[in-house]
């Protein structure tokens, strides 16, 4: 049995055989969709996901040959796809009123997430709205996409030091707004 190709190998192969990019899409589409659904709402996320992968396909020749994992690159493209900040804020307020959980999550995690969301929901959404776009993007990439500092730096096109300082500021602001609760410990089902 052959081992699956790395993301890098799929992208390299797709330069000569474009249909190979479909395997990369299949591998990461659901994860990118979930991230965009949390940011924009499920009704907008499908189009944003398609736009993200179309951009990735068009720019696949620029993918770093030093990386095996395309996730940070795809999250960076997805984050840049979210270009209208005022529309995002309106969608986030509406999104806070919707149930966005999926049936694939265990019941215990859903219940715990809902309790946290109900307890912090309004304050969490308000706190996210007061962060700068860069701080908000970084916090959500770390909390929702579970990227490392290095992966988040790559996704946002900034140095790792910027990620560290930006995340420190965002967490400090968030803890103040949430009464001492660290935003990275709030479950992903929170309505922000």
C-alpha atoms as a PDB file:
ATOM      1  CA  UNK A   1       0.000   0.000   0.000  1.00  0.00           C
ATOM      2  CA  UNK A   2       1.436   3.363  -0.970  1.00  0.00           C
ATOM      3  CA  UNK A   3       1.523   6.230   1.464  1.00  0.00           C
ATOM      4  CA  UNK A   4      -0.655   9.247   0.522  1.00  0.00           C
ATOM      5  CA  UNK A   5       1.137  12.140  -1.124  1.00  0.00           C
ATOM      6  CA  UNK A   6       1.939  15.181   1.000  1.00  0.00           C
ATOM      7  CA  UNK A   7       0.142  18.433   0.278  1.00  0.00           C
ATOM      8  CA  UNK A   8       3.331  19.775  -1.290  1.00  0.00           C
ATOM      9  CA  UNK A   9       3.589  16.751  -3.589  1.00  0.00           C
ATOM     10  CA  UNK A  10      -0.057  17.118  -4.641  1.00  0.00           C
ATOM     11  CA  UNK A  11       0.423  20.789  -5.432  1.00  0.00           C
ATOM     12  CA  UNK A  12       3.630  20.112  -7.360  1.00  0.00           C
ATOM     13  CA  UNK A  13       1.944  17.347  -9.337  1.00  0.00           C
ATOM     14  CA  UNK A  14      -1.068  19.583 -10.034  1.00  0.00           C
ATOM     15  CA  UNK A  15       1.169  22.044 -11.890  1.00  0.00           C
ATOM     16  CA  UNK A  16       1.406  19.509 -14.715  1.00  0.00           C
ATOM     17  CA  UNK A  17      -1.782  17.580 -13.970  1.00  0.00           C
ATOM     18  CA  UNK A  18      -4.357  20.128 -12.723  1.00  0.00           C
ATOM     19  CA  UNK A  19      -6.860  17.415 -11.791  1.00  0.00           C
ATOM     20  CA  UNK A  20      -4.494  16.341  -8.955  1.00  0.00           C
ATOM     21  CA  UNK A  21      -5.499  19.496  -7.075  1.00  0.00           C
ATOM     22  CA  UNK A  22      -8.853  17.822  -6.386  1.00  0.00           C
ATOM     23  CA  UNK A  23      -7.152  15.554  -3.847  1.00  0.00           C
ATOM     24  CA  UNK A  24      -5.937  18.611  -1.919  1.00  0.00           C
ATOM     25  CA  UNK A  25      -9.451  20.048  -2.046  1.00  0.00           C
ATOM     26  CA  UNK A  26     -10.936  16.779  -0.749  1.00  0.00           C
ATOM     27  CA  UNK A  27      -8.366  16.647   2.046  1.00  0.00           C
ATOM     28  CA  UNK A  28      -8.926  20.172   3.415  1.00  0.00           C
ATOM     29  CA  UNK A  29     -12.292  21.460   2.169  1.00  0.00           C
ATOM     30  CA  UNK A  30     -14.354  20.517   5.232  1.00  0.00           C
ATOM     31  CA  UNK A  31     -11.876  22.099   7.648  1.00  0.00           C
ATOM     32  CA  UNK A  32     -11.654  25.356   5.685  1.00  0.00           C
ATOM     33  CA  UNK A  33     -15.448  25.420   5.325  1.00  0.00           C
ATOM     34  CA  UNK A  34     -15.906  25.076   9.111  1.00  0.00           C
ATOM     35  CA  UNK A  35     -13.486  27.955   9.724  1.00  0.00           C
ATOM     36  CA  UNK A  36     -15.248  30.188   7.214  1.00  0.00           C
ATOM     37  CA  UNK A  37     -18.683  29.187   8.537  1.00  0.00           C
ATOM     38  CA  UNK A  38     -17.639  30.298  12.005  1.00  0.00           C
ATOM     39  CA  UNK A  39     -16.366  33.593  10.650  1.00  0.00           C
ATOM     40  CA  UNK A  40     -19.048  34.396   8.086  1.00  0.00           C
ATOM     41  CA  UNK A  41     -21.984  32.115   8.799  1.00  0.00           C
ATOM     42  CA  UNK A  42     -22.866  28.896   7.019  1.00  0.00           C
ATOM     43  CA  UNK A  43     -24.837  30.593   4.245  1.00  0.00           C
ATOM     44  CA  UNK A  44     -21.789  32.558   3.057  1.00  0.00           C
ATOM     45  CA  UNK A  45     -19.142  29.956   3.854  1.00  0.00           C
ATOM     46  CA  UNK A  46     -19.823  27.732   0.859  1.00  0.00           C
ATOM     47  CA  UNK A  47     -19.041  30.520  -1.603  1.00  0.00           C
ATOM     48  CA  UNK A  48     -16.068  31.694   0.460  1.00  0.00           C
ATOM     49  CA  UNK A  49     -14.686  28.142   0.543  1.00  0.00           C
ATOM     50  CA  UNK A  50     -15.017  27.855  -3.225  1.00  0.00           C
ATOM     51  CA  UNK A  51     -13.290  31.215  -3.632  1.00  0.00           C
ATOM     52  CA  UNK A  52     -10.508  30.130  -1.264  1.00  0.00           C
ATOM     53  CA  UNK A  53      -9.759  26.982  -3.227  1.00  0.00           C
ATOM     54  CA  UNK A  54     -10.055  28.758  -6.575  1.00  0.00           C
ATOM     55  CA  UNK A  55      -7.474  31.291  -5.384  1.00  0.00           C
ATOM     56  CA  UNK A  56      -5.267  28.478  -4.086  1.00  0.00           C
ATOM     57  CA  UNK A  57      -5.521  26.679  -7.424  1.00  0.00           C
ATOM     58  CA  UNK A  58      -4.603  29.833  -9.332  1.00  0.00           C
ATOM     59  CA  UNK A  59      -1.656  30.559  -7.014  1.00  0.00           C
ATOM     60  CA  UNK A  60      -0.470  26.990  -6.496  1.00  0.00           C
ATOM     61  CA  UNK A  61       2.794  27.761  -8.272  1.00  0.00           C
ATOM     62  CA  UNK A  62       3.637  30.118  -5.371  1.00  0.00           C
ATOM     63  CA  UNK A  63       3.238  27.467  -2.668  1.00  0.00           C
ATOM     64  CA  UNK A  64       6.433  27.104  -0.634  1.00  0.00           C
ATOM     65  CA  UNK A  65       8.359  24.002  -1.652  1.00  0.00           C
ATOM     66  CA  UNK A  66       9.723  23.907   1.919  1.00  0.00           C
ATOM     67  CA  UNK A  67       6.336  23.080   3.467  1.00  0.00           C
ATOM     68  CA  UNK A  68       4.595  19.717   3.358  1.00  0.00           C
ATOM     69  CA  UNK A  69       1.356  20.935   4.955  1.00  0.00           C
ATOM     70  CA  UNK A  70      -0.866  23.314   2.952  1.00  0.00           C
ATOM     71  CA  UNK A  71      -3.196  24.116   5.873  1.00  0.00           C
ATOM     72  CA  UNK A  72      -1.506  27.383   6.948  1.00  0.00           C
ATOM     73  CA  UNK A  73      -1.397  28.543   3.328  1.00  0.00           C
ATOM     74  CA  UNK A  74      -5.079  27.700   2.834  1.00  0.00           C
ATOM     75  CA  UNK A  75      -6.063  29.399   6.118  1.00  0.00           C
ATOM     76  CA  UNK A  76      -4.164  32.485   4.980  1.00  0.00           C
ATOM     77  CA  UNK A  77      -6.082  32.554   1.717  1.00  0.00           C
ATOM     78  CA  UNK A  78      -9.355  31.950   3.586  1.00  0.00           C
ATOM     79  CA  UNK A  79      -8.631  34.773   6.005  1.00  0.00           C
ATOM     80  CA  UNK A  80      -7.870  37.153   3.141  1.00  0.00           C
ATOM     81  CA  UNK A  81     -11.114  36.068   1.469  1.00  0.00           C
ATOM     82  CA  UNK A  82     -12.944  37.711   4.353  1.00  0.00           C
ATOM     83  CA  UNK A  83     -12.448  41.237   3.021  1.00  0.00           C
ATOM     84  CA  UNK A  84     -15.476  43.227   4.091  1.00  0.00           C
ATOM     85  CA  UNK A  85     -15.045  43.766   7.850  1.00  0.00           C
ATOM     86  CA  UNK A  86     -18.312  45.608   8.371  1.00  0.00           C
ATOM     87  CA  UNK A  87     -20.257  42.833   6.664  1.00  0.00           C
ATOM     88  CA  UNK A  88     -18.380  40.320   8.822  1.00  0.00           C
ATOM     89  CA  UNK A  89     -19.449  42.171  11.984  1.00  0.00           C
ATOM     90  CA  UNK A  90     -23.114  42.158  10.876  1.00  0.00           C
ATOM     91  CA  UNK A  91     -22.911  38.466  10.022  1.00  0.00           C
ATOM     92  CA  UNK A  92     -21.215  37.701  13.351  1.00  0.00           C
ATOM     93  CA  UNK A  93     -24.066  39.350  15.272  1.00  0.00           C
ATOM     94  CA  UNK A  94     -26.612  37.346  13.283  1.00  0.00           C
ATOM     95  CA  UNK A  95     -24.466  34.235  13.567  1.00  0.00           C
ATOM     96  CA  UNK A  96     -24.547  34.550  17.356  1.00  0.00           C
ATOM     97  CA  UNK A  97     -28.269  33.844  17.226  1.00  0.00           C
ATOM     98  CA  UNK A  98     -27.888  30.674  15.144  1.00  0.00           C
ATOM     99  CA  UNK A  99     -27.106  27.105  16.186  1.00  0.00           C
ATOM    100  CA  UNK A 100     -23.999  26.210  14.143  1.00  0.00           C
ATOM    101  CA  UNK A 101     -23.066  22.914  15.751  1.00  0.00           C
ATOM    102  CA  UNK A 102     -22.587  19.813  13.653  1.00  0.00           C
ATOM    103  CA  UNK A 103     -23.876  16.323  14.296  1.00  0.00           C
ATOM    104  CA  UNK A 104     -20.347  14.917  14.128  1.00  0.00           C
ATOM    105  CA  UNK A 105     -19.384  16.425  17.498  1.00  0.00           C
ATOM    106  CA  UNK A 106     -19.873  14.312  20.640  1.00  0.00           C
ATOM    107  CA  UNK A 107     -22.878  15.266  22.780  1.00  0.00           C
ATOM    108  CA  UNK A 108     -20.754  16.001  25.863  1.00  0.00           C
ATOM    109  CA  UNK A 109     -18.633  18.516  23.924  1.00  0.00           C
ATOM    110  CA  UNK A 110     -21.745  20.153  22.482  1.00  0.00           C
ATOM    111  CA  UNK A 111     -23.327  20.494  25.927  1.00  0.00           C
ATOM    112  CA  UNK A 112     -20.174  21.975  27.469  1.00  0.00           C
ATOM    113  CA  UNK A 113     -19.785  24.315  24.518  1.00  0.00           C
ATOM    114  CA  UNK A 114     -23.350  25.532  24.770  1.00  0.00           C
ATOM    115  CA  UNK A 115     -23.008  26.249  28.481  1.00  0.00           C
ATOM    116  CA  UNK A 116     -19.832  28.261  27.831  1.00  0.00           C
ATOM    117  CA  UNK A 117     -21.419  29.989  24.851  1.00  0.00           C
ATOM    118  CA  UNK A 118     -24.507  30.974  26.830  1.00  0.00           C
ATOM    119  CA  UNK A 119     -22.391  32.221  29.711  1.00  0.00           C
ATOM    120  CA  UNK A 120     -19.976  34.262  27.586  1.00  0.00           C
ATOM    121  CA  UNK A 121     -21.790  34.665  24.265  1.00  0.00           C
ATOM    122  CA  UNK A 122     -22.590  38.366  24.216  1.00  0.00           C
ATOM    123  CA  UNK A 123     -19.376  39.413  25.926  1.00  0.00           C
ATOM    124  CA  UNK A 124     -17.291  37.182  23.639  1.00  0.00           C
ATOM    125  CA  UNK A 125     -18.918  38.564  20.484  1.00  0.00           C
ATOM    126  CA  UNK A 126     -18.476  42.113  21.769  1.00  0.00           C
ATOM    127  CA  UNK A 127     -14.832  41.477  22.664  1.00  0.00           C
ATOM    128  CA  UNK A 128     -14.107  40.085  19.189  1.00  0.00           C
ATOM    129  CA  UNK A 129     -15.728  43.146  17.653  1.00  0.00           C
ATOM    130  CA  UNK A 130     -13.419  45.449  19.621  1.00  0.00           C
ATOM    131  CA  UNK A 131     -10.206  43.700  18.573  1.00  0.00           C
ATOM    132  CA  UNK A 132      -8.299  44.962  15.575  1.00  0.00           C
ATOM    133  CA  UNK A 133      -8.765  42.900  12.415  1.00  0.00           C
ATOM    134  CA  UNK A 134      -5.254  41.476  12.784  1.00  0.00           C
ATOM    135  CA  UNK A 135      -5.789  40.503  16.419  1.00  0.00           C
ATOM    136  CA  UNK A 136      -9.190  38.961  15.672  1.00  0.00           C
ATOM    137  CA  UNK A 137      -7.901  36.997  12.677  1.00  0.00           C
ATOM    138  CA  UNK A 138      -4.980  35.655  14.692  1.00  0.00           C
ATOM    139  CA  UNK A 139      -7.057  34.744  17.735  1.00  0.00           C
ATOM    140  CA  UNK A 140      -9.572  32.861  15.580  1.00  0.00           C
ATOM    141  CA  UNK A 141      -6.862  31.047  13.611  1.00  0.00           C
ATOM    142  CA  UNK A 142      -5.291  29.875  16.864  1.00  0.00           C
ATOM    143  CA  UNK A 143      -8.568  29.069  18.662  1.00  0.00           C
ATOM    144  CA  UNK A 144     -10.754  27.714  15.851  1.00  0.00           C
ATOM    145  CA  UNK A 145      -8.273  26.394  13.303  1.00  0.00           C
ATOM    146  CA  UNK A 146      -5.865  25.148  15.983  1.00  0.00           C
ATOM    147  CA  UNK A 147      -2.852  26.476  14.086  1.00  0.00           C
ATOM    148  CA  UNK A 148       0.552  26.755  15.740  1.00  0.00           C
ATOM    149  CA  UNK A 149       2.198  30.170  16.035  1.00  0.00           C
ATOM    150  CA  UNK A 150       4.391  29.320  13.052  1.00  0.00           C
ATOM    151  CA  UNK A 151       1.420  28.187  10.953  1.00  0.00           C
ATOM    152  CA  UNK A 152      -0.586  31.296  11.903  1.00  0.00           C
ATOM    153  CA  UNK A 153       2.399  33.474  10.958  1.00  0.00           C
ATOM    154  CA  UNK A 154       2.532  31.798   7.568  1.00  0.00           C
ATOM    155  CA  UNK A 155      -1.230  32.104   7.104  1.00  0.00           C
ATOM    156  CA  UNK A 156      -1.200  35.823   7.873  1.00  0.00           C
ATOM    157  CA  UNK A 157       2.106  36.582   6.147  1.00  0.00           C
ATOM    158  CA  UNK A 158       3.712  38.030   9.285  1.00  0.00           C
ATOM    159  CA  UNK A 159       6.764  37.058  11.359  1.00  0.00           C
ATOM    160  CA  UNK A 160       6.312  34.675  14.309  1.00  0.00           C
ATOM    161  CA  UNK A 161       7.340  37.503  16.656  1.00  0.00           C
ATOM    162  CA  UNK A 162       4.393  39.553  15.400  1.00  0.00           C
ATOM    163  CA  UNK A 163       2.108  36.592  16.058  1.00  0.00           C
ATOM    164  CA  UNK A 164       3.384  36.325  19.626  1.00  0.00           C
ATOM    165  CA  UNK A 165       3.011  40.024  20.424  1.00  0.00           C
ATOM    166  CA  UNK A 166      -0.343  40.355  18.640  1.00  0.00           C
ATOM    167  CA  UNK A 167      -1.712  37.273  20.406  1.00  0.00           C
ATOM    168  CA  UNK A 168      -0.458  38.545  23.777  1.00  0.00           C
ATOM    169  CA  UNK A 169      -2.296  41.857  23.247  1.00  0.00           C
ATOM    170  CA  UNK A 170      -5.456  40.129  22.018  1.00  0.00           C
ATOM    171  CA  UNK A 171      -5.522  37.721  24.950  1.00  0.00           C
ATOM    172  CA  UNK A 172      -4.958  40.547  27.436  1.00  0.00           C
ATOM    173  CA  UNK A 173      -7.836  42.571  25.946  1.00  0.00           C
ATOM    174  CA  UNK A 174     -10.035  39.483  25.851  1.00  0.00           C
ATOM    175  CA  UNK A 175      -9.334  38.488  29.453  1.00  0.00           C
ATOM    176  CA  UNK A 176     -10.282  41.999  30.560  1.00  0.00           C
ATOM    177  CA  UNK A 177     -13.509  41.929  28.525  1.00  0.00           C
ATOM    178  CA  UNK A 178     -14.386  38.387  29.652  1.00  0.00           C
ATOM    179  CA  UNK A 179     -13.724  38.923  33.343  1.00  0.00           C
ATOM    180  CA  UNK A 180     -10.492  36.923  33.494  1.00  0.00           C
ATOM    181  CA  UNK A 181     -11.489  34.118  31.116  1.00  0.00           C
ATOM    182  CA  UNK A 182      -8.818  33.327  28.525  1.00  0.00           C
ATOM    183  CA  UNK A 183     -10.422  33.398  25.043  1.00  0.00           C
ATOM    184  CA  UNK A 184      -8.354  30.405  23.957  1.00  0.00           C
ATOM    185  CA  UNK A 185     -10.045  28.263  26.604  1.00  0.00           C
ATOM    186  CA  UNK A 186     -13.574  29.123  25.478  1.00  0.00           C
ATOM    187  CA  UNK A 187     -14.972  26.302  23.356  1.00  0.00           C
ATOM    188  CA  UNK A 188     -15.297  26.709  19.629  1.00  0.00           C
ATOM    189  CA  UNK A 189     -19.084  26.597  19.758  1.00  0.00           C
ATOM    190  CA  UNK A 190     -19.118  30.086  21.269  1.00  0.00           C
ATOM    191  CA  UNK A 191     -21.251  32.409  19.170  1.00  0.00           C
ATOM    192  CA  UNK A 192     -18.595  34.829  18.049  1.00  0.00           C
END
